[in-house]
C-alpha cells in the first residue's frame, strides 16, 4: 500500500469509528456493498461517490480525506444565533427583556417582531457585569434542569455570537424554531448537529440540527422571585431587591 493510500484508509477508518458506526452500517449509509472492510484494508480505493456522500451527509472535507488539508469538516451552515431584536430604554441604552414562561411559548414565532417585545417588561441592569453585552431574562418551565434550576425561577443570560463560543460546562437558553429550552450543549463530530443535555437524569439527551437554532443565550446567573412578582411592578421591585445578592454571586464567580 503506498503512502497516499495509507492516509486515506486511516482517515476513513478513524472517521467511521469517531462517528460510531460499524463497518456494515457505515457501508449501508454510504451506498457501499456489504461492509467498508476492503476500503479500510486498502484493497479498494475510495470512490468519488463515497467521497460525495461523506461530504453531503457529514460535511467531510474531501481534501482532508486525501491528506491535503488539516480541516476535517467544512462549515455545515452559516447559522446565526445572535439576538434578532434588542430593546432600548428612553435614554437609548440597551435594556434587558424578561421573557416569562407564557411568553416563551410565542417567542420563536415572534423573534423578529419588535412590537411583540414591547409587551414584555424590560429593565436596565445597574451592574457593571451587565454592560457591553446583550442580556435577556428567561423564566424556567419544567423540571428538566433540576436540581440547579427550579420551575418558576429566572435565569439571566448573555447573547452568544456563534456556535464556536459554546462551552460544554455552561448552561444555555436554546431558542429553536418551535421551542425555548434551557439545556447544556454538547458538540458532536458532525458540526451540523448538537446534543441538548438536561441535568435531570430522567430526561435523556437528544440531538438537533444547528440549522434549527435561532438564538443562543449563555446563562450567567439565576434569580428566584416570590409570588408577588406577578406584575411588571412586582417583578421590578423584586429584581431591584435581588441586585445586591446577584452582585455578590458574580463576585464569588469571578474570584
Protein backbone atom coordinates (compact mmCIF):
# COMPACT_ATOMS: atom_id res chain seq x y z
CA UNK A 1 0.00 0.00 0.00
CA UNK A 2 1.51 3.38 -0.96
CA UNK A 3 1.73 6.28 1.46
CA UNK A 4 -1.19 8.23 -0.04
CA UNK A 5 -3.44 5.16 0.20
CA UNK A 6 -2.43 4.66 3.81
CA UNK A 7 -3.51 8.21 4.68
CA UNK A 8 -6.91 7.74 3.02
CA UNK A 9 -7.63 4.37 4.63
CA UNK A 10 -6.54 5.55 8.08
CA UNK A 11 -8.61 8.73 7.94
CA UNK A 12 -11.63 6.88 6.59
CA UNK A 13 -11.35 4.23 9.33
CA UNK A 14 -10.80 6.78 12.10
CA UNK A 15 -13.79 8.77 10.85
CA UNK A 16 -16.11 5.75 10.91
CA UNK A 17 -15.06 4.93 14.47
CA UNK A 18 -15.38 8.54 15.58
CA UNK A 19 -18.93 8.70 14.20
CA UNK A 20 -19.77 5.45 15.98
CA UNK A 21 -20.76 3.23 13.03
CA UNK A 22 -19.97 -0.44 12.42
CA UNK A 23 -18.38 -1.35 9.10
CA UNK A 24 -21.67 -2.73 7.76
CA UNK A 25 -23.78 0.22 8.98
CA UNK A 26 -21.35 2.75 7.54
CA UNK A 27 -21.32 0.86 4.22
CA UNK A 28 -25.12 0.89 4.07
CA UNK A 29 -25.18 4.63 4.83
CA UNK A 30 -22.68 5.40 2.08
CA UNK A 31 -24.12 3.05 -0.55
CA UNK A 32 -21.26 0.53 -0.38
CA UNK A 33 -21.96 -3.18 -0.87
CA UNK A 34 -21.54 -5.35 2.25
CA UNK A 35 -19.00 -3.59 4.53
CA UNK A 36 -16.26 -0.97 4.49
CA UNK A 37 -13.64 -3.61 5.36
CA UNK A 38 -11.98 -3.64 1.93
CA UNK A 39 -11.60 0.14 1.94
CA UNK A 40 -10.15 0.08 5.45
CA UNK A 41 -7.66 -2.64 4.47
CA UNK A 42 -6.58 -0.70 1.40
CA UNK A 43 -7.90 -3.28 -1.04
CA UNK A 44 -10.47 -0.93 -2.57
CA UNK A 45 -9.97 2.72 -3.42
CA UNK A 46 -12.33 5.34 -2.07
CA UNK A 47 -14.74 6.11 -4.91
CA UNK A 48 -15.93 9.57 -5.87
CA UNK A 49 -19.46 8.54 -4.93
CA UNK A 50 -18.39 7.67 -1.37
CA UNK A 51 -16.45 10.94 -1.04
CA UNK A 52 -19.54 12.81 -2.22
CA UNK A 53 -21.73 11.02 0.34
CA UNK A 54 -19.29 11.86 3.15
CA UNK A 55 -19.43 15.50 2.10
CA UNK A 56 -23.22 15.50 1.76
CA UNK A 57 -24.07 13.66 4.96
CA UNK A 58 -21.28 14.67 7.34
CA UNK A 59 -19.69 17.75 5.70
CA UNK A 60 -16.36 15.93 5.47
CA UNK A 61 -13.72 17.93 3.61
CA UNK A 62 -12.54 15.81 0.62
CA UNK A 63 -9.10 17.43 0.82
CA UNK A 64 -8.78 16.22 4.41
CA UNK A 65 -9.64 12.65 3.37
CA UNK A 66 -6.74 12.64 0.92
CA UNK A 67 -4.25 14.24 3.30
CA UNK A 68 -4.25 17.64 1.61
CA UNK A 69 -5.82 19.59 4.48
CA UNK A 70 -5.99 19.55 8.28
CA UNK A 71 -9.61 20.80 8.27
CA UNK A 72 -11.75 17.70 8.67
CA UNK A 73 -15.19 19.33 8.46
CA UNK A 74 -16.46 22.02 6.15
CA UNK A 75 -18.79 24.60 7.63
CA UNK A 76 -22.23 22.99 7.85
CA UNK A 77 -24.28 26.16 7.68
CA UNK A 78 -23.86 29.84 8.34
CA UNK A 79 -26.02 29.63 11.43
CA UNK A 80 -26.71 33.00 13.06
CA UNK A 81 -27.61 32.74 16.75
CA UNK A 82 -27.24 36.41 17.66
CA UNK A 83 -30.35 38.23 19.01
CA UNK A 84 -32.80 39.15 16.31
CA UNK A 85 -34.11 42.16 18.27
CA UNK A 86 -32.60 44.32 21.02
CA UNK A 87 -34.57 46.85 23.03
CA UNK A 88 -33.51 50.20 24.45
CA UNK A 89 -34.86 52.49 27.14
CA UNK A 90 -35.80 56.16 26.84
CA UNK A 91 -32.13 57.11 27.11
CA UNK A 92 -31.29 54.87 24.14
CA UNK A 93 -29.40 52.45 26.37
CA UNK A 94 -29.94 48.75 25.78
CA UNK A 95 -32.04 47.06 28.45
CA UNK A 96 -32.95 43.53 29.44
CA UNK A 97 -36.22 41.96 28.31
CA UNK A 98 -37.76 39.46 30.75
CA UNK A 99 -39.46 36.54 28.97
CA UNK A 100 -41.81 34.64 31.27
CA UNK A 101 -42.89 31.05 30.69
CA UNK A 102 -46.13 32.09 28.97
CA UNK A 103 -44.34 34.50 26.65
CA UNK A 104 -41.68 31.89 25.84
CA UNK A 105 -44.35 29.81 24.09
CA UNK A 106 -44.67 32.53 21.45
CA UNK A 107 -41.06 33.69 21.43
CA UNK A 108 -39.82 31.65 18.43
CA UNK A 109 -42.69 32.82 16.24
CA UNK A 110 -42.26 36.48 17.22
CA UNK A 111 -38.48 36.54 17.39
CA UNK A 112 -38.15 39.37 14.85
CA UNK A 113 -41.33 41.28 15.75
CA UNK A 114 -40.22 44.42 17.57
CA UNK A 115 -43.78 45.29 18.59
CA UNK A 116 -44.14 41.92 20.36
CA UNK A 117 -41.17 42.69 22.62
CA UNK A 118 -42.82 45.90 23.80
CA UNK A 119 -45.44 43.83 25.61
CA UNK A 120 -42.76 42.34 27.89
CA UNK A 121 -41.19 44.01 30.93
CA UNK A 122 -37.71 45.35 30.22
CA UNK A 123 -35.24 46.71 32.74
CA UNK A 124 -31.91 48.48 32.82
CA UNK A 125 -29.40 46.49 34.89
CA UNK A 126 -27.32 48.86 37.09
CA UNK A 127 -24.38 46.48 37.41
CA UNK A 128 -21.08 46.71 35.51
CA UNK A 129 -21.15 42.95 34.84
CA UNK A 130 -24.15 43.51 32.56
CA UNK A 131 -22.58 46.23 30.44
CA UNK A 132 -21.08 45.86 26.96
CA UNK A 133 -23.19 42.80 26.16
CA UNK A 134 -26.79 41.88 25.39
CA UNK A 135 -28.65 40.08 28.17
CA UNK A 136 -32.14 38.62 28.42
CA UNK A 137 -34.10 37.07 31.26
CA UNK A 138 -35.99 33.80 30.83
CA UNK A 139 -38.28 32.02 33.27
CA UNK A 140 -37.68 28.33 33.89
CA UNK A 141 -40.51 25.97 32.98
CA UNK A 142 -40.49 22.27 33.82
CA UNK A 143 -38.08 20.21 35.89
CA UNK A 144 -35.53 19.06 33.30
CA UNK A 145 -32.74 21.16 34.85
CA UNK A 146 -33.23 20.11 38.46
CA UNK A 147 -31.57 20.39 40.92
CA UNK A 148 -29.79 23.53 39.64
CA UNK A 149 -32.80 25.33 38.17
CA UNK A 150 -36.33 25.01 39.51
CA UNK A 151 -39.64 25.76 37.77
CA UNK A 152 -40.58 29.42 38.15
CA UNK A 153 -37.03 30.66 38.70
CA UNK A 154 -35.43 33.09 36.27
CA UNK A 155 -32.09 32.96 34.51
CA UNK A 156 -30.23 35.99 33.22
CA UNK A 157 -28.40 35.04 30.07
CA UNK A 158 -25.84 36.66 27.77
CA UNK A 159 -26.20 36.53 23.98
CA UNK A 160 -23.86 34.12 22.21
CA UNK A 161 -22.29 35.33 18.96
CA UNK A 162 -21.65 31.95 17.33
CA UNK A 163 -21.53 28.19 17.77
CA UNK A 164 -17.76 28.36 18.22
CA UNK A 165 -18.37 30.04 21.59
CA UNK A 166 -20.29 27.09 23.07
CA UNK A 167 -18.80 25.85 26.36
CA UNK A 168 -19.84 22.31 27.43
CA UNK A 169 -19.63 23.36 31.10
CA UNK A 170 -22.16 26.18 30.76
CA UNK A 171 -25.97 26.22 30.64
CA UNK A 172 -27.74 27.85 27.71
CA UNK A 173 -31.15 29.13 26.72
CA UNK A 174 -31.64 27.49 23.32
CA UNK A 175 -34.20 29.12 21.02
CA UNK A 176 -35.29 26.68 18.33
CA UNK A 177 -37.82 27.19 15.56
CA UNK A 178 -40.63 25.94 17.79
CA UNK A 179 -39.41 26.00 21.40
CA UNK A 180 -37.34 27.79 24.04
CA UNK A 181 -35.28 25.34 26.10
CA UNK A 182 -32.73 25.61 28.90
CA UNK A 183 -30.01 22.97 28.44
CA UNK A 184 -26.33 22.19 28.43
CA UNK A 185 -24.92 21.80 24.92
CA UNK A 186 -22.53 19.18 23.65
CA UNK A 187 -20.97 19.38 20.21
CA UNK A 188 -20.83 16.26 18.04
CA UNK A 189 -18.25 15.12 15.47
CA UNK A 190 -20.76 16.24 12.84
CA UNK A 191 -20.76 20.08 13.04
CA UNK A 192 -24.32 20.25 11.74
CA UNK A 193 -25.64 18.59 14.91
CA UNK A 194 -25.52 19.43 18.63
CA UNK A 195 -26.80 17.47 21.63
CA UNK A 196 -29.02 19.12 24.24
CA UNK A 197 -28.37 17.80 27.75
CA UNK A 198 -30.70 18.02 30.76
CA UNK A 199 -29.33 18.00 34.31
CA UNK A 200 -32.27 15.88 35.46
CA UNK A 201 -31.28 12.30 34.60
CA UNK A 202 -34.90 11.42 33.88
CA UNK A 203 -34.57 13.36 30.62
CA UNK A 204 -32.27 11.73 28.04
CA UNK A 205 -30.09 13.86 25.74
CA UNK A 206 -31.36 14.49 22.25
CA UNK A 207 -29.87 15.90 19.07
CA UNK A 208 -30.96 18.86 16.98
CA UNK A 209 -29.61 20.23 13.71
CA UNK A 210 -27.80 23.54 14.05
CA UNK A 211 -29.96 24.97 11.26
CA UNK A 212 -32.89 24.80 13.74
CA UNK A 213 -31.18 27.28 16.09
CA UNK A 214 -32.46 30.84 16.14
CA UNK A 215 -30.71 32.25 19.21
CA UNK A 216 -28.36 31.08 21.96
CA UNK A 217 -28.01 32.71 25.37
CA UNK A 218 -25.41 31.65 27.93
CA UNK A 219 -26.81 31.61 31.47
CA UNK A 220 -24.77 33.81 33.80
CA UNK A 221 -26.92 33.79 36.93
CA UNK A 222 -30.34 32.96 38.30
CA UNK A 223 -32.86 34.78 40.45
CA UNK A 224 -35.75 33.33 42.42
CA UNK A 225 -38.72 35.68 42.64
CA UNK A 226 -41.58 35.28 45.08
CA UNK A 227 -45.30 35.03 44.47
CA UNK A 228 -45.62 38.82 44.46
CA UNK A 229 -43.82 39.07 41.12
CA UNK A 230 -46.99 38.57 39.11
CA UNK A 231 -47.00 42.04 37.60
CA UNK A 232 -44.36 44.15 35.96
CA UNK A 233 -44.26 46.40 39.04
CA UNK A 234 -43.85 43.44 41.38
CA UNK A 235 -41.20 41.91 39.15
CA UNK A 236 -39.28 45.20 39.02
CA UNK A 237 -39.37 45.55 42.79
CA UNK A 238 -38.06 42.05 43.38
CA UNK A 239 -35.47 42.49 40.63
CA UNK A 240 -34.15 45.59 42.38
CA UNK A 241 -34.10 43.75 45.73
CA UNK A 242 -32.04 41.00 44.11
CA UNK A 243 -29.31 43.31 42.79
CA UNK A 244 -27.08 43.20 45.87
CA UNK A 245 -27.40 39.44 46.18
CA UNK A 246 -26.69 38.98 42.48
CA UNK A 247 -23.66 41.25 42.67
CA UNK A 248 -22.25 39.12 45.48
CA UNK A 249 -22.84 35.94 43.44
CA UNK A 250 -20.98 37.41 40.48
CA UNK A 251 -18.08 38.49 42.68
CA UNK A 252 -17.76 34.93 44.00
CA UNK A 253 -17.78 33.51 40.47
CA UNK A 254 -15.09 35.93 39.31
CA UNK A 255 -12.75 35.33 42.28
